[in-house]
């Protein structure tokens, strides 16, 4: 549980900026790449009956420094090359709940699975982390669409 809490905090506090995490039904849409991390989301976004959105967020870390840092924070010995995070956003992408986190090594092998859990609760979208960057992007799309009728 401690590892899960640390990893969820890490994903929500990074200074950078399914279907399942195992299958890529839908395509990955890249929205950010600063040379340190590439952030994408899966185009297969589901919406619950209450209007909340389930979005898979992918973050690929390009430097050994970040890969080792993420591994250390998660209590892993293997560097974390990428993560897939199941995020649940409110209807307007203002609030988010991290539901599940998968970590992968450089070979693409899964090395961590937090399990699907809602105990982290809701928090405001923070554009300083991968999940928040995706939330800001998708929220902007909604607001633009409401104003101009298209994206």
Protein backbone atom coordinates (compact mmCIF):
# COMPACT_ATOMS: atom_id res chain seq x y z
CA UNK A 1 0.00 0.00 0.00
CA UNK A 2 2.86 2.37 0.83
CA UNK A 3 4.37 1.83 -2.64
CA UNK A 4 1.00 2.52 -4.23
CA UNK A 5 0.50 5.76 -2.32
CA UNK A 6 4.04 6.93 -3.10
CA UNK A 7 3.65 6.17 -6.81
CA UNK A 8 0.27 7.90 -7.04
CA UNK A 9 1.69 10.94 -5.22
CA UNK A 10 4.69 10.92 -7.55
CA UNK A 11 2.51 10.87 -10.66
CA UNK A 12 0.46 13.76 -9.34
CA UNK A 13 3.45 15.79 -8.16
CA UNK A 14 5.94 15.44 -11.01
CA UNK A 15 7.47 18.78 -11.89
CA UNK A 16 7.00 18.10 -15.62
CA UNK A 17 5.33 18.13 -16.97
CA UNK A 18 -8.13 -0.12 -21.77
CA UNK A 19 -9.56 -0.81 -22.56
CA UNK A 20 -6.62 -1.87 -20.57
CA UNK A 21 -3.08 -0.76 -20.15
CA UNK A 22 -2.16 -4.06 -21.76
CA UNK A 23 -4.07 -3.50 -25.00
CA UNK A 24 -3.99 -0.40 -27.10
CA UNK A 25 -7.55 -0.33 -28.39
CA UNK A 26 -7.71 3.20 -29.65
CA UNK A 27 -4.61 5.10 -30.64
CA UNK A 28 -2.16 6.99 -28.45
CA UNK A 29 -2.32 10.74 -29.07
CA UNK A 30 0.90 12.54 -28.16
CA UNK A 31 0.37 15.97 -26.62
CA UNK A 32 3.73 16.77 -25.06
CA UNK A 33 7.41 15.90 -25.51
CA UNK A 34 10.05 18.00 -23.78
CA UNK A 35 12.96 15.59 -24.31
CA UNK A 36 12.62 14.25 -20.77
CA UNK A 37 9.11 12.82 -20.93
CA UNK A 38 6.64 12.15 -23.73
CA UNK A 39 2.99 12.33 -22.66
CA UNK A 40 0.13 10.73 -24.58
CA UNK A 41 -3.43 9.65 -23.96
CA UNK A 42 -5.47 6.86 -25.47
CA UNK A 43 -8.17 8.01 -27.87
CA UNK A 44 -10.58 5.40 -26.48
CA UNK A 45 -12.05 7.58 -23.72
CA UNK A 46 -15.04 6.12 -21.93
CA UNK A 47 -17.70 8.17 -20.20
CA UNK A 48 -19.63 6.90 -17.18
CA UNK A 49 -23.38 7.31 -16.74
CA UNK A 50 -22.65 10.21 -14.40
CA UNK A 51 -20.59 11.99 -17.09
CA UNK A 52 -17.10 11.29 -15.73
CA UNK A 53 -14.35 10.35 -18.20
CA UNK A 54 -11.97 7.39 -17.92
CA UNK A 55 -8.71 8.18 -19.74
CA UNK A 56 -5.51 6.16 -20.03
CA UNK A 57 -2.40 8.35 -19.84
CA UNK A 58 1.01 7.18 -21.04
CA UNK A 59 4.26 8.78 -19.92
CA UNK A 60 7.57 7.67 -21.46
CA UNK A 61 10.67 8.80 -19.56
CA UNK A 62 13.77 9.34 -21.71
CA UNK A 63 16.52 9.98 -19.16
CA UNK A 64 18.16 7.50 -16.82
CA UNK A 65 17.85 10.08 -14.05
CA UNK A 66 14.04 10.11 -14.22
CA UNK A 67 13.77 6.37 -14.80
CA UNK A 68 15.84 5.68 -11.69
CA UNK A 69 14.01 8.32 -9.67
CA UNK A 70 10.62 6.77 -10.49
CA UNK A 71 11.93 3.31 -9.62
CA UNK A 72 13.23 4.59 -6.29
CA UNK A 73 9.93 6.27 -5.47
CA UNK A 74 8.02 3.08 -6.28
CA UNK A 75 10.45 0.86 -4.35
CA UNK A 76 11.57 -0.93 -7.52
CA UNK A 77 15.09 -2.01 -8.46
CA UNK A 78 14.45 -1.79 -12.21
CA UNK A 79 14.33 1.65 -13.86
CA UNK A 80 10.82 2.74 -14.89
CA UNK A 81 10.89 3.62 -18.58
CA UNK A 82 7.17 4.29 -18.91
CA UNK A 83 3.90 4.38 -17.03
CA UNK A 84 0.26 3.91 -17.98
CA UNK A 85 -2.21 5.54 -15.63
CA UNK A 86 -5.96 5.01 -15.51
CA UNK A 87 -7.36 8.43 -14.63
CA UNK A 88 -10.96 9.32 -13.92
CA UNK A 89 -11.84 12.95 -14.65
CA UNK A 90 -15.01 14.84 -13.82
CA UNK A 91 -17.22 15.91 -16.74
CA UNK A 92 -15.24 19.14 -17.40
CA UNK A 93 -11.75 17.79 -16.65
CA UNK A 94 -11.32 20.02 -13.61
CA UNK A 95 -10.85 17.20 -11.07
CA UNK A 96 -9.12 13.84 -11.34
CA UNK A 97 -8.80 10.58 -9.46
CA UNK A 98 -5.86 8.29 -10.25
CA UNK A 99 -7.36 4.79 -10.29
CA UNK A 100 -4.54 2.53 -11.46
CA UNK A 101 -0.85 2.77 -12.36
CA UNK A 102 1.25 0.35 -14.39
CA UNK A 103 5.05 0.73 -14.65
CA UNK A 104 7.15 -0.77 -17.44
CA UNK A 105 10.87 -1.34 -17.94
CA UNK A 106 12.83 -0.42 -21.09
CA UNK A 107 11.85 -3.72 -22.74
CA UNK A 108 8.17 -2.94 -22.20
CA UNK A 109 7.71 -5.57 -19.49
CA UNK A 110 5.28 -4.67 -16.73
CA UNK A 111 7.13 -4.30 -13.43
CA UNK A 112 4.40 -2.78 -11.25
CA UNK A 113 0.59 -2.74 -11.09
CA UNK A 114 -1.11 -0.75 -8.35
CA UNK A 115 -4.48 -2.41 -8.91
CA UNK A 116 -7.66 -0.50 -9.69
CA UNK A 117 -8.55 1.50 -6.60
CA UNK A 118 -10.40 4.72 -5.84
CA UNK A 119 -8.92 5.33 -2.37
CA UNK A 120 -6.67 8.16 -3.61
CA UNK A 121 -9.79 10.29 -3.97
CA UNK A 122 -10.39 13.37 -6.09
CA UNK A 123 -8.00 16.28 -6.55
CA UNK A 124 -7.80 19.30 -8.83
CA UNK A 125 -6.15 18.83 -12.22
CA UNK A 126 -2.54 20.00 -11.95
CA UNK A 127 -0.84 20.77 -15.27
CA UNK A 128 2.55 19.98 -13.68
CA UNK A 129 2.22 16.19 -14.08
CA UNK A 130 1.36 13.83 -16.98
CA UNK A 131 -2.22 13.14 -15.85
CA UNK A 132 -2.81 16.85 -15.27
CA UNK A 133 -1.34 17.82 -18.63
CA UNK A 134 -3.78 15.46 -20.34
CA UNK A 135 -6.66 16.80 -18.22
CA UNK A 136 -5.81 20.39 -19.14
CA UNK A 137 -5.60 19.44 -22.83
CA UNK A 138 -8.94 17.61 -22.86
CA UNK A 139 -10.64 20.34 -20.80
CA UNK A 140 -9.38 22.95 -23.27
CA UNK A 141 -10.86 20.88 -26.11
CA UNK A 142 -14.27 20.92 -24.41
CA UNK A 143 -14.14 24.68 -23.78
CA UNK A 144 -12.97 25.41 -27.35
CA UNK A 145 -15.69 23.16 -28.74
CA UNK A 146 -18.35 24.95 -26.68
CA UNK A 147 -17.13 28.32 -27.97
CA UNK A 148 -16.45 27.51 -31.62
CA UNK A 149 -18.26 24.21 -32.23
CA UNK A 150 -15.19 22.28 -33.35
CA UNK A 151 -11.56 21.55 -32.38
